[in-house]
Amino acid sequence: PYCRATAPSLNEFHDAFAAGGLVVIGMYTPKPRPRSVSVDEVRGYVKTYGFAFPVAVDADWGALRGLWLDGAPDASFTSATLLIDRRGILRHVQKGGAYAKDASNPKARQDYEDMRESIVALLAESP
C-alpha cells in the first residue's frame, strides 16, 4: 500500500526535477523477507504503480540494509525514501509510510513537503 500511495509523488518529483539533476531510482525489496524474484514480477509492479523511473531489484535486501536498516536506530519501515546527494551522501530520509501533497493525513502531507524542499535545496547546491 505504501508503494501505491507514494508512486504519484515519486513520479511527480521525477517529472519536475529530472532536468535539474534529480535521478529517481526505485528499489524493489520483496516481502516477505528476502526471496527470489523475477524481473517480470517487478516489471508488473512498475506498470501497476505507473513508475516513470527505473526500479532496481534488491532481492537479498543488501542495499536496503546497507543504506537504511542497519544504520538507523529508528528504521521501522522498509518503504523509506532516501535522498542521496551528488557525492553519494545520504542527506534526507522519509522514514516510511505513504506521503503525498493531497493526502488526508497531515503527516503524509508534511513528509511530502519536507521531501520536496530537500530536493530543491540539494539541487541548488554546487555540483
Protein backbone atom coordinates (compact mmCIF):
# COMPACT_ATOMS: atom_id res chain seq x y z
CA PRO A 1 0.00 0.00 0.00
CA TYR A 2 2.87 2.43 0.65
CA CYS A 3 4.31 1.99 -2.86
CA ARG A 4 0.89 2.54 -4.40
CA ALA A 5 0.23 5.64 -2.29
CA THR A 6 3.68 7.16 -2.79
CA ALA A 7 4.07 6.38 -6.52
CA PRO A 8 2.37 9.61 -7.66
CA SER A 9 4.73 11.72 -5.52
CA LEU A 10 7.83 9.93 -6.79
CA ASN A 11 6.63 10.29 -10.38
CA GLU A 12 5.94 13.98 -9.75
CA PHE A 13 9.42 14.53 -8.34
CA HIS A 14 10.92 12.69 -11.30
CA ASP A 15 8.96 14.78 -13.79
CA ALA A 16 9.57 18.10 -12.04
CA PHE A 17 13.25 17.75 -11.20
CA ALA A 18 14.91 15.30 -13.60
CA ALA A 19 16.01 18.14 -15.90
CA GLY A 20 17.66 19.79 -12.89
CA GLY A 21 19.65 16.70 -11.97
CA LEU A 22 17.39 14.56 -9.79
CA VAL A 23 17.64 10.86 -10.52
CA VAL A 24 14.84 8.79 -9.03
CA ILE A 25 15.54 5.08 -8.69
CA GLY A 26 13.01 2.81 -7.08
CA MET A 27 14.20 -0.21 -5.15
CA TYR A 28 12.07 -3.32 -5.01
CA THR A 29 12.65 -5.27 -1.83
CA PRO A 30 10.47 -8.37 -1.88
CA LYS A 31 8.31 -9.14 1.09
CA PRO A 32 8.13 -11.36 2.98
CA ARG A 33 11.81 -11.08 3.79
CA PRO A 34 14.45 -11.73 1.13
CA ARG A 35 13.33 -14.14 -1.54
CA SER A 36 13.93 -14.89 -5.16
CA VAL A 37 12.02 -12.59 -7.51
CA SER A 38 11.68 -12.48 -11.28
CA VAL A 39 12.29 -9.38 -13.34
CA ASP A 40 8.85 -9.91 -14.91
CA GLU A 41 7.24 -9.73 -11.47
CA VAL A 42 8.95 -6.41 -10.81
CA ARG A 43 8.02 -5.10 -14.26
CA GLY A 44 4.41 -5.89 -13.37
CA TYR A 45 4.64 -3.76 -10.22
CA VAL A 46 6.30 -0.95 -12.16
CA LYS A 47 3.44 -0.99 -14.67
CA THR A 48 0.75 -1.31 -11.98
CA TYR A 49 2.09 1.62 -9.97
CA GLY A 50 2.94 3.67 -13.05
CA PHE A 51 6.54 4.31 -12.08
CA ALA A 52 8.17 6.56 -14.71
CA PHE A 53 11.72 5.89 -13.49
CA PRO A 54 13.96 2.82 -13.22
CA VAL A 55 13.38 0.30 -10.46
CA ALA A 56 16.22 -1.88 -9.19
CA VAL A 57 15.74 -5.28 -7.59
CA ASP A 58 17.22 -5.74 -4.12
CA ALA A 59 16.24 -9.39 -3.68
CA ASP A 60 18.53 -10.03 -0.70
CA TRP A 61 17.85 -6.64 0.95
CA GLY A 62 21.59 -5.89 0.85
CA ALA A 63 21.17 -2.35 -0.46
CA LEU A 64 18.24 -1.58 1.85
CA ARG A 65 20.16 -2.85 4.87
CA GLY A 66 23.33 -1.00 3.89
CA LEU A 67 21.65 2.30 3.10
CA TRP A 68 18.95 2.37 5.76
CA LEU A 69 18.01 -0.50 8.05
CA ASP A 70 21.43 -1.25 9.57
CA GLY A 71 22.41 2.37 10.16
CA ALA A 72 19.28 3.98 11.53
CA PRO A 73 18.13 3.46 15.12
CA ASP A 74 14.55 4.28 14.14
CA ALA A 75 14.29 2.32 10.88
CA SER A 76 10.88 0.78 11.41
CA PHE A 77 9.67 0.99 7.79
CA THR A 78 11.23 -0.74 4.79
CA SER A 79 9.45 1.66 2.44
CA ALA A 80 11.65 4.64 3.29
CA THR A 81 12.59 7.24 0.68
CA LEU A 82 16.27 8.13 0.73
CA LEU A 83 17.63 11.32 -0.79
CA ILE A 84 21.31 10.95 -1.66
CA ASP A 85 23.33 13.95 -2.82
CA ARG A 86 25.70 14.20 -5.77
CA ARG A 87 28.60 12.99 -3.64
CA GLY A 88 26.73 9.89 -2.52
CA ILE A 89 25.93 11.16 0.96
CA LEU A 90 22.55 10.33 2.47
CA ARG A 91 21.02 13.75 3.19
CA HIS A 92 17.31 13.21 3.84
CA VAL A 93 15.20 10.26 4.86
CA GLN A 94 11.45 9.99 4.72
CA LYS A 95 11.16 7.23 7.30
CA GLY A 96 8.43 5.23 5.64
CA GLY A 97 4.77 5.10 5.12
CA ALA A 98 2.89 6.95 2.43
CA TYR A 99 3.32 10.62 1.62
CA ALA A 100 1.56 12.85 -0.87
CA LYS A 101 0.72 16.52 -1.33
CA ASP A 102 -3.01 15.79 -1.31
CA ALA A 103 -3.04 13.18 1.47
CA SER A 104 -5.77 13.42 4.10
CA ASN A 105 -3.18 12.67 6.79
CA PRO A 106 -1.32 15.87 7.85
CA LYS A 107 1.92 13.93 8.50
CA ALA A 108 1.83 12.47 4.99
CA ARG A 109 1.37 15.98 3.55
CA GLN A 110 4.23 17.33 5.68
CA ASP A 111 6.51 14.44 4.68
CA TYR A 112 5.78 15.28 1.04
CA GLU A 113 6.63 18.96 1.59
CA ASP A 114 9.79 18.07 3.51
CA MET A 115 10.97 15.78 0.71
CA ARG A 116 10.19 18.38 -1.96
CA GLU A 117 12.02 21.11 -0.03
CA SER A 118 15.02 18.83 0.46
CA ILE A 119 15.14 18.05 -3.27
CA VAL A 120 15.01 21.73 -4.17
CA ALA A 121 17.75 22.57 -1.64
CA LEU A 122 20.07 19.79 -2.81
CA LEU A 123 19.62 20.65 -6.47
CA ALA A 124 20.54 24.24 -5.68
CA GLU A 125 23.90 23.18 -4.24
CA SER A 126 27.00 23.43 -6.41
CA PRO A 127 27.91 20.15 -8.12
